[in-house]
């Protein structure tokens, strides 16, 4: 059994890790003329091949196209910090406890028997990719995704961030009601030493029922350059205090309502910055975080289904050569729907309707019980099938689309135990109708 966090032999380092526990080196080398290795970098020249298509005299004309890219990958993985927006929420407190448990190789008892910390469910840490074919056996050679390139190990991340709730992470972990009691007891001391930084709080963008949590907020209820500079200062100070080379910011806070796209306000980078300066009420908190990260050269990842990246934000990122990405984690029902719809349409099955039902009792469900915030989630869950439908002109005429409805209900009694059900109606060898529930 791994040591208790309160034991003298335990590790109670708070948000930081004192020394690197894993090596970032890869487990293979490429022997090819277009790949070269140096002490600090891997340089690769890659030819991307695609096809340009044009319509000439009523007939498609396909022309091969090649674009050459030069990639340079640093082989030295610097000390990296991860700042979570929503550090004290269900996602933030759970992922932090999970990293602490993995870092210390914790084991704990459950009703089903002993469990050990792992990174199952992580695409980076627990999936493999085909490297090639073994020349001696003819068998596929698969390696962990994290071995493809030098990358930071989650155990080496320094965790910090913001939250509108001032609870320390031990109390936040209890409030979330996700983790086993024994595991919570093992990480409680470290979690209790972590308190989120004050965050920005614009009440109009999240449900009114979140107001009782908002006790750790910066003054002001709409966008301002003071807020941008405060967030940039938080990032710089976190980076300096922990001796970091890189800081990544991840939005894992509440789903916001969609921001209106208004010409002259958020359509260009110049207009967006002016709108922030003027305190325009259609600048969302997530967009403000993104702008602060762009200006601070910190990658920003959005994990919620709102329209954080308005056109002006995207343009600003392009001007600063900054990384932004993400429009929802899509790790549950939406991901399953993506896989099933892709399979059925590619199999020539014509979906005619999709009904998605969910009920949950955590704070995500509470926030989504507000119509404006639910609408953001509804759009995310509904539009996931659009590209697949548009790609099959045999099954669907232009403008034709399956009926699609999404229902999310807040039921406090079920807590974090979400329930989801999808039902699919499809035409197979019309006029037969198939019903495919899961």
Protein backbone atom coordinates (compact mmCIF):
# COMPACT_ATOMS: atom_id res chain seq x y z
CA UNK A 1 0.00 0.00 0.00
CA UNK A 2 1.38 3.41 -0.92
CA UNK A 3 2.06 5.78 1.99
CA UNK A 4 -0.67 8.00 3.38
CA UNK A 5 -0.26 11.70 2.56
CA UNK A 6 -0.06 12.48 6.27
CA UNK A 7 2.62 9.87 6.98
CA UNK A 8 6.19 11.00 7.49
CA UNK A 9 7.26 8.93 4.49
CA UNK A 10 4.55 10.32 2.25
CA UNK A 11 4.87 12.95 -0.40
CA UNK A 12 3.04 16.20 0.24
CA UNK A 13 4.45 18.61 -2.29
CA UNK A 14 1.25 20.46 -3.09
CA UNK A 15 0.96 21.48 -6.72
CA UNK A 16 4.61 21.01 -7.71
CA UNK A 17 6.76 18.00 -8.45
CA UNK A 18 10.32 18.35 -7.22
CA UNK A 19 12.08 16.26 -9.84
CA UNK A 20 11.24 14.68 -13.17
CA UNK A 21 10.02 11.11 -12.67
CA UNK A 22 10.01 10.00 -16.29
CA UNK A 23 12.26 10.30 -19.30
CA UNK A 24 10.87 12.16 -22.34
CA UNK A 25 12.99 10.20 -24.82
CA UNK A 26 11.27 8.14 -27.52
CA UNK A 27 11.63 4.38 -27.92
CA UNK A 28 12.53 4.39 -31.61
CA UNK A 29 14.50 6.27 -34.27
CA UNK A 30 13.62 6.94 -37.90
CA UNK A 31 16.16 5.86 -40.50
CA UNK A 32 15.24 8.01 -43.48
CA UNK A 33 16.89 10.78 -45.53
CA UNK A 34 14.14 13.26 -44.66
CA UNK A 35 14.66 12.91 -40.89
CA UNK A 36 17.71 14.20 -39.04
CA UNK A 37 18.62 14.20 -35.36
CA UNK A 38 20.61 16.77 -33.42
CA UNK A 39 21.31 17.18 -29.73
CA UNK A 40 18.21 19.22 -29.06
CA UNK A 41 15.84 18.58 -31.97
CA UNK A 42 14.41 16.19 -34.51
CA UNK A 43 13.96 17.74 -37.96
CA UNK A 44 11.62 16.14 -40.48
CA UNK A 45 10.53 17.04 -43.99
CA UNK A 46 7.05 15.78 -44.78
CA UNK A 47 5.23 15.83 -48.09
CA UNK A 48 1.50 16.21 -47.59
CA UNK A 49 -0.43 14.82 -50.53
CA UNK A 50 -4.02 15.74 -51.24
CA UNK A 51 -6.25 16.35 -54.25
CA UNK A 52 -7.62 19.58 -55.68
CA UNK A 53 -11.03 19.12 -57.30
CA UNK A 54 -12.74 21.42 -59.78
CA UNK A 55 -15.89 21.15 -61.88
CA UNK A 56 -15.25 21.47 -65.63
CA UNK A 57 -18.05 21.00 -68.17
CA UNK A 58 -20.18 19.27 -65.59
CA UNK A 59 -17.50 16.78 -64.65
CA UNK A 60 -15.19 16.63 -61.64
CA UNK A 61 -11.51 17.08 -62.44
CA UNK A 62 -9.06 15.76 -59.82
CA UNK A 63 -5.49 17.04 -59.69
CA UNK A 64 -2.92 15.73 -57.21
CA UNK A 65 -1.37 18.35 -54.96
CA UNK A 66 1.76 18.20 -52.84
CA UNK A 67 2.79 20.55 -50.04
CA UNK A 68 6.14 20.19 -48.29
CA UNK A 69 6.34 20.93 -44.56
CA UNK A 70 9.44 21.14 -42.39
CA UNK A 71 8.89 20.15 -38.76
CA UNK A 72 11.27 20.74 -35.89
CA UNK A 73 10.54 18.94 -32.61
CA UNK A 74 12.45 19.83 -29.46
CA UNK A 75 13.85 16.75 -27.76
CA UNK A 76 14.24 18.53 -24.44
CA UNK A 77 10.91 18.60 -22.64
CA UNK A 78 10.97 21.55 -20.29
CA UNK A 79 9.26 21.75 -16.93
CA UNK A 80 5.61 22.37 -17.72
CA UNK A 81 2.72 23.86 -15.77
CA UNK A 82 -0.97 23.22 -16.33
CA UNK A 83 -3.34 25.96 -15.19
CA UNK A 84 -6.97 24.89 -15.05
CA UNK A 85 -9.82 27.37 -15.34
CA UNK A 86 -12.27 25.68 -12.99
CA UNK A 87 -9.58 24.13 -10.79
CA UNK A 88 -12.06 23.62 -7.95
CA UNK A 89 -14.78 22.02 -10.06
CA UNK A 90 -15.50 18.32 -10.58
CA UNK A 91 -13.06 18.02 -13.48
CA UNK A 92 -10.32 20.11 -11.90
CA UNK A 93 -10.35 18.47 -8.47
CA UNK A 94 -10.64 14.96 -9.93
CA UNK A 95 -7.82 15.28 -12.46
CA UNK A 96 -5.55 16.87 -9.83
CA UNK A 97 -6.21 14.04 -7.38
CA UNK A 98 -5.65 11.54 -10.19
CA UNK A 99 -2.26 13.01 -11.05
CA UNK A 100 -1.24 12.99 -7.38
CA UNK A 101 -2.34 9.35 -7.07
CA UNK A 102 -0.40 8.33 -10.18
CA UNK A 103 2.64 10.32 -9.14
CA UNK A 104 2.78 8.39 -5.87
CA UNK A 105 1.65 5.04 -7.34
CA UNK A 106 -1.19 4.85 -4.84
CA UNK A 107 -3.31 1.77 -4.18
CA UNK A 108 -6.58 1.75 -2.25
CA UNK A 109 -9.38 -0.59 -1.27
CA UNK A 110 -12.86 -0.55 -2.81
CA UNK A 111 -15.91 -2.80 -2.47
CA UNK A 112 -14.71 -4.69 -5.56
CA UNK A 113 -11.17 -5.13 -4.22
CA UNK A 114 -7.89 -3.21 -4.46
CA UNK A 115 -7.40 -0.56 -7.12
CA UNK A 116 -4.22 1.12 -8.30
CA UNK A 117 -3.75 4.51 -9.90
CA UNK A 118 -3.41 4.45 -13.68
CA UNK A 119 -4.01 6.59 -16.74
CA UNK A 120 -6.65 4.41 -18.39
CA UNK A 121 -8.92 6.61 -20.46
CA UNK A 122 -6.07 8.90 -21.51
CA UNK A 123 -5.50 8.94 -25.27
CA UNK A 124 -1.90 10.02 -24.81
CA UNK A 125 -0.99 7.64 -21.98
CA UNK A 126 -3.07 4.54 -22.73
CA UNK A 127 -3.45 4.24 -26.50
CA UNK A 128 -1.08 2.81 -29.09
CA UNK A 129 -0.33 3.55 -32.74
CA UNK A 130 1.02 1.36 -35.50
CA UNK A 131 4.67 2.16 -36.17
CA UNK A 132 5.08 -0.35 -38.97
CA UNK A 133 5.56 -4.04 -39.70
CA UNK A 134 8.23 -6.23 -38.11
CA UNK A 135 10.55 -7.34 -40.93
CA UNK A 136 11.21 -10.70 -39.25
CA UNK A 137 7.71 -11.76 -38.14
CA UNK A 138 5.46 -9.75 -40.45
CA UNK A 139 3.43 -8.69 -37.44
CA UNK A 140 2.27 -5.13 -36.78
CA UNK A 141 4.53 -3.15 -34.47
CA UNK A 142 2.48 -0.94 -32.15
CA UNK A 143 3.94 1.51 -29.65
CA UNK A 144 2.39 3.79 -27.01
CA UNK A 145 1.30 7.14 -28.40
CA UNK A 146 3.39 8.94 -25.78
CA UNK A 147 6.52 7.32 -27.24
CA UNK A 148 6.05 8.86 -30.68
CA UNK A 149 7.54 12.20 -29.70
CA UNK A 150 9.21 13.61 -26.59
CA UNK A 151 6.38 14.91 -24.42
CA UNK A 152 5.76 15.82 -20.82
CA UNK A 153 4.47 13.04 -18.56
CA UNK A 154 1.34 13.98 -16.57
CA UNK A 155 3.15 13.04 -13.36
CA UNK A 156 5.60 15.86 -14.04
CA UNK A 157 2.99 18.58 -14.51
CA UNK A 158 2.81 21.42 -12.02
CA UNK A 159 -0.89 22.07 -11.37
CA UNK A 160 -2.53 25.41 -10.61
CA UNK A 161 -5.36 27.58 -11.82
CA UNK A 162 -8.44 29.66 -11.11
CA UNK A 163 -11.95 29.13 -9.81
CA UNK A 164 -14.87 31.34 -8.83
CA UNK A 165 -15.16 29.17 -5.69
CA UNK A 166 -12.52 29.66 -3.02
CA UNK A 167 -12.70 26.15 -1.54
CA UNK A 168 -9.36 24.38 -1.24
CA UNK A 169 -9.13 21.29 -3.43
CA UNK A 170 -9.72 18.85 -0.57
CA UNK A 171 -13.08 20.49 0.15
CA UNK A 172 -13.78 20.76 -3.58
CA UNK A 173 -13.02 17.05 -3.95
CA UNK A 174 -15.54 16.26 -1.21
CA UNK A 175 -18.13 18.52 -2.85
CA UNK A 176 -17.65 16.78 -6.22
CA UNK A 177 -18.46 13.33 -4.75
CA UNK A 178 -16.50 11.53 -7.47
CA UNK A 179 -13.59 9.76 -5.76
CA UNK A 180 -13.52 6.81 -3.37
CA UNK A 181 -13.22 7.81 0.32
CA UNK A 182 -9.98 5.84 0.79
CA UNK A 183 -8.32 7.53 -2.18
CA UNK A 184 -9.47 10.92 -0.94
CA UNK A 185 -7.87 10.25 2.45
CA UNK A 186 -4.53 9.47 0.77
CA UNK A 187 -4.35 12.77 -1.17
CA UNK A 188 -6.24 15.00 1.26
CA UNK A 189 -3.20 16.75 2.76
CA UNK A 190 -1.81 17.75 -0.63
CA UNK A 191 -5.21 18.76 -1.95
CA UNK A 192 -5.93 20.86 1.14
CA UNK A 193 -2.79 22.87 0.42
CA UNK A 194 -4.06 23.92 -3.00
CA UNK A 195 -6.41 26.90 -3.31
CA UNK A 196 -7.56 28.34 -6.64
CA UNK A 197 -6.64 31.84 -7.71
CA UNK A 198 -9.56 34.30 -7.93
CA UNK A 199 -11.23 34.16 -11.32
CA UNK A 200 -13.35 36.46 -13.43
CA UNK A 201 -17.11 36.11 -13.07
CA UNK A 202 -19.57 37.50 -15.59
CA UNK A 203 -22.96 36.29 -14.29
CA UNK A 204 -24.76 36.65 -17.61
CA UNK A 205 -22.64 33.90 -19.22
CA UNK A 206 -23.31 31.07 -16.78
CA UNK A 207 -26.48 29.97 -15.01
CA UNK A 208 -27.81 32.16 -12.21
CA UNK A 209 -27.76 29.11 -9.93
CA UNK A 210 -23.94 29.29 -9.91
CA UNK A 211 -23.99 32.53 -7.91
CA UNK A 212 -23.76 30.73 -4.58
CA UNK A 213 -20.33 29.43 -5.56
CA UNK A 214 -18.92 32.78 -6.64
CA UNK A 215 -16.96 33.81 -3.53
CA UNK A 216 -13.50 33.99 -5.12
CA UNK A 217 -13.83 36.50 -7.93
CA UNK A 218 -12.07 39.58 -9.26
CA UNK A 219 -14.00 42.84 -9.04
CA UNK A 220 -16.01 43.72 -12.13
CA UNK A 221 -18.77 41.83 -13.92
CA UNK A 222 -17.82 42.44 -17.55
CA UNK A 223 -14.74 42.35 -19.74
CA UNK A 224 -11.91 44.78 -19.13
CA UNK A 225 -8.25 45.13 -19.97
CA UNK A 226 -7.60 45.09 -16.22
CA UNK A 227 -8.89 41.52 -16.17
CA UNK A 228 -6.72 40.55 -19.15
CA UNK A 229 -3.62 41.98 -17.49
CA UNK A 230 -4.48 40.35 -14.17
CA UNK A 231 -4.72 36.92 -15.80
CA UNK A 232 -1.47 37.50 -17.69
CA UNK A 233 0.19 38.41 -14.40
CA UNK A 234 -1.17 35.23 -12.80
CA UNK A 235 0.37 33.15 -15.59
CA UNK A 236 3.74 34.91 -15.33
CA UNK A 237 3.88 34.58 -11.55
CA UNK A 238 2.90 30.91 -11.65
CA UNK A 239 5.59 30.29 -14.24
CA UNK A 240 8.26 32.13 -12.27
CA UNK A 241 7.34 30.72 -8.85
CA UNK A 242 7.60 27.13 -10.09
CA UNK A 243 10.58 27.54 -12.42
CA UNK A 244 8.56 26.58 -15.48
CA UNK A 245 9.54 26.77 -19.12
CA UNK A 246 5.99 26.40 -20.41
CA UNK A 247 2.47 26.99 -19.12
CA UNK A 248 -0.64 25.50 -20.72
CA UNK A 249 -4.08 26.85 -19.80
CA UNK A 250 -7.11 24.55 -20.01
CA UNK A 251 -10.72 25.71 -19.69
CA UNK A 252 -12.60 23.09 -17.67
CA UNK A 253 -15.09 25.47 -16.08
CA UNK A 254 -18.84 25.79 -16.60
CA UNK A 255 -20.39 25.81 -20.05
CA UNK A 256 -21.16 29.39 -21.06
CA UNK A 257 -24.01 30.63 -23.18
CA UNK A 258 -23.14 31.42 -26.77
CA UNK A 259 -21.78 34.91 -27.31
CA UNK A 260 -23.51 36.92 -30.02
CA UNK A 261 -21.32 37.53 -33.06
CA UNK A 262 -21.54 41.27 -33.61
CA UNK A 263 -19.81 43.19 -36.41
CA UNK A 264 -17.53 45.81 -34.92
CA UNK A 265 -17.29 43.94 -31.60
CA UNK A 266 -15.78 40.47 -31.98
CA UNK A 267 -15.35 40.08 -35.73
CA UNK A 268 -11.70 41.18 -35.90
CA UNK A 269 -8.79 41.15 -33.47
CA UNK A 270 -8.71 44.95 -33.36
CA UNK A 271 -12.42 45.18 -32.64
CA UNK A 272 -12.25 42.46 -30.00
CA UNK A 273 -9.45 44.20 -28.11
CA UNK A 274 -11.36 47.47 -28.30
CA UNK A 275 -14.52 45.74 -27.07
CA UNK A 276 -12.59 44.43 -24.07
CA UNK A 277 -11.23 47.90 -23.39
CA UNK A 278 -14.74 49.35 -23.63
CA UNK A 279 -16.22 46.68 -21.34
CA UNK A 280 -18.60 45.28 -23.94
CA UNK A 281 -21.01 42.78 -22.41
CA UNK A 282 -20.73 40.24 -25.26
CA UNK A 283 -17.13 39.27 -24.42
CA UNK A 284 -17.30 35.93 -22.62
CA UNK A 285 -14.99 34.97 -19.74
CA UNK A 286 -13.53 32.09 -21.79
CA UNK A 287 -12.72 34.48 -24.64
CA UNK A 288 -11.02 36.82 -22.20
CA UNK A 289 -8.90 33.93 -20.89
CA UNK A 290 -8.03 33.00 -24.47
CA UNK A 291 -6.97 36.58 -25.25
CA UNK A 292 -4.80 36.73 -22.12
CA UNK A 293 -3.12 33.46 -23.09
CA UNK A 294 -2.55 34.59 -26.68
CA UNK A 295 -0.88 37.80 -25.50
CA UNK A 296 1.14 35.84 -22.92
CA UNK A 297 2.15 33.15 -25.46
CA UNK A 298 0.58 30.37 -23.37
CA UNK A 299 -1.36 27.67 -25.28
CA UNK A 300 -5.08 27.77 -24.48
CA UNK A 301 -7.38 24.75 -24.78
CA UNK A 302 -11.15 25.08 -24.49
CA UNK A 303 -12.96 22.05 -23.05
CA UNK A 304 -16.54 23.38 -23.06
CA UNK A 305 -19.02 23.70 -25.94
CA UNK A 306 -19.38 27.50 -26.05
CA UNK A 307 -18.15 29.65 -28.95
CA UNK A 308 -15.03 30.89 -27.13
CA UNK A 309 -13.09 31.37 -30.35
CA UNK A 310 -15.03 34.17 -31.98
CA UNK A 311 -13.55 35.39 -35.30
CA UNK A 312 -11.61 38.20 -33.61
CA UNK A 313 -10.01 35.75 -31.17
CA UNK A 314 -8.91 33.43 -33.97
CA UNK A 315 -7.43 36.35 -35.88
CA UNK A 316 -5.56 37.53 -32.79
CA UNK A 317 -4.07 34.05 -32.33
CA UNK A 318 -2.96 34.00 -35.96
CA UNK A 319 -1.31 37.40 -35.61
CA UNK A 320 0.61 36.25 -32.52
CA UNK A 321 1.36 32.76 -33.86
CA UNK A 322 -0.31 31.41 -30.72
CA UNK A 323 -1.91 28.02 -30.14
CA UNK A 324 -5.62 27.82 -29.31
CA UNK A 325 -7.91 24.85 -29.78
CA UNK A 326 -10.91 22.83 -28.62
CA UNK A 327 -14.68 23.31 -28.50
CA UNK A 328 -15.76 20.55 -26.07
CA UNK A 329 -14.16 17.51 -24.45
CA UNK A 330 -16.79 15.27 -26.14
CA UNK A 331 -15.63 12.32 -24.04
CA UNK A 332 -18.97 10.66 -23.28
CA UNK A 333 -22.26 10.39 -25.12
CA UNK A 334 -21.22 12.84 -27.85
CA UNK A 335 -18.09 10.80 -28.62
CA UNK A 336 -20.12 7.59 -28.76
CA UNK A 337 -22.63 9.27 -31.05
CA UNK A 338 -19.81 10.40 -33.37
CA UNK A 339 -18.52 6.84 -33.68
CA UNK A 340 -21.93 5.23 -34.22
CA UNK A 341 -23.17 7.78 -36.75
CA UNK A 342 -19.90 7.58 -38.68
CA UNK A 343 -20.16 3.79 -38.77
CA UNK A 344 -23.81 3.70 -39.88
CA UNK A 345 -23.59 6.35 -42.59
CA UNK A 346 -20.38 4.84 -43.98
CA UNK A 347 -22.20 1.49 -44.03
CA UNK A 348 -24.89 3.03 -46.24
CA UNK A 349 -27.52 3.14 -43.48
CA UNK A 350 -29.71 6.24 -43.70
CA UNK A 351 -30.35 7.70 -40.28
CA UNK A 352 -33.65 9.53 -40.15
CA UNK A 353 -33.71 10.60 -36.49
CA UNK A 354 -31.49 10.69 -33.42
CA UNK A 355 -32.86 11.22 -29.92
CA UNK A 356 -30.39 11.81 -27.11
CA UNK A 357 -31.43 11.82 -23.46
CA UNK A 358 -29.25 12.58 -20.43
CA UNK A 359 -29.79 13.13 -16.74
CA UNK A 360 -27.14 14.00 -14.18
CA UNK A 361 -26.91 15.57 -10.77
CA UNK A 362 -23.51 17.25 -10.56
CA UNK A 363 -22.76 20.94 -10.97
CA UNK A 364 -22.46 20.55 -14.74
CA UNK A 365 -26.08 19.41 -14.80
CA UNK A 366 -27.07 22.25 -12.51
CA UNK A 367 -25.50 24.81 -14.82
CA UNK A 368 -27.03 23.17 -17.91
CA UNK A 369 -30.51 23.40 -16.36
CA UNK A 370 -30.41 27.01 -17.53
CA UNK A 371 -31.74 27.29 -21.09
CA UNK A 372 -28.96 29.53 -22.48
CA UNK A 373 -26.19 27.26 -21.22
CA UNK A 374 -28.09 24.15 -22.32
CA UNK A 375 -28.35 25.63 -25.80
CA UNK A 376 -24.52 25.66 -26.09
CA UNK A 377 -24.41 21.96 -25.18
CA UNK A 378 -27.31 21.18 -27.50
CA UNK A 379 -25.49 22.75 -30.43
CA UNK A 380 -22.32 20.79 -29.64
CA UNK A 381 -24.18 17.48 -29.37
CA UNK A 382 -26.30 18.13 -32.47
CA UNK A 383 -23.72 19.44 -34.94
CA UNK A 384 -21.37 16.49 -34.37
CA UNK A 385 -23.18 14.58 -37.16
CA UNK A 386 -23.32 17.40 -39.73
CA UNK A 387 -20.09 16.65 -41.60
CA UNK A 388 -20.91 12.95 -41.88
CA UNK A 389 -24.36 13.68 -43.29
CA UNK A 390 -23.03 16.29 -45.74
CA UNK A 391 -20.39 13.84 -47.01
CA UNK A 392 -22.93 11.28 -48.24
CA UNK A 393 -24.94 12.72 -51.11
CA UNK A 394 -26.30 9.27 -51.94
CA UNK A 395 -28.24 9.05 -48.68
CA UNK A 396 -29.02 12.73 -48.17
CA UNK A 397 -30.06 15.39 -50.65
CA UNK A 398 -28.74 18.92 -50.22
CA UNK A 399 -30.33 20.45 -47.13
CA UNK A 400 -31.64 17.09 -45.89
CA UNK A 401 -30.72 16.14 -42.35
CA UNK A 402 -31.86 13.59 -39.74
CA UNK A 403 -34.25 14.85 -37.09
CA UNK A 404 -32.11 15.39 -34.02
CA UNK A 405 -33.15 16.25 -30.48
CA UNK A 406 -31.13 16.49 -27.28
CA UNK A 407 -32.59 16.40 -23.75
CA UNK A 408 -30.56 17.08 -20.59
CA UNK A 409 -32.23 16.98 -17.18
CA UNK A 410 -30.79 17.98 -13.82
CA UNK A 411 -31.52 15.41 -11.09
CA UNK A 412 -29.51 16.21 -7.94
CA UNK A 413 -30.08 12.81 -6.33
CA UNK A 414 -27.95 10.95 -8.91
CA UNK A 415 -24.90 13.13 -8.23
CA UNK A 416 -22.00 12.56 -10.61
CA UNK A 417 -23.49 9.29 -11.93
CA UNK A 418 -24.63 10.49 -15.34
CA UNK A 419 -27.12 8.44 -17.35
CA UNK A 420 -27.41 8.69 -21.13
CA UNK A 421 -29.56 7.00 -23.78
CA UNK A 422 -29.55 7.42 -27.55
CA UNK A 423 -32.17 6.07 -29.95
CA UNK A 424 -31.56 5.95 -33.69
CA UNK A 425 -34.16 5.48 -36.44
CA UNK A 426 -32.72 4.44 -39.78
CA UNK A 427 -33.84 3.31 -43.22
CA UNK A 428 -32.35 0.02 -44.40
CA UNK A 429 -33.58 -1.27 -47.76
CA UNK A 430 -36.57 1.12 -47.68
CA UNK A 431 -39.35 0.97 -46.73
CA UNK A 432 -37.99 -1.02 -43.77
CA UNK A 433 -37.29 1.02 -40.62
CA UNK A 434 -34.78 -0.04 -38.01
CA UNK A 435 -34.71 1.17 -34.41
CA UNK A 436 -31.25 1.03 -32.85
CA UNK A 437 -31.21 2.04 -29.17
CA UNK A 438 -28.15 1.96 -26.92
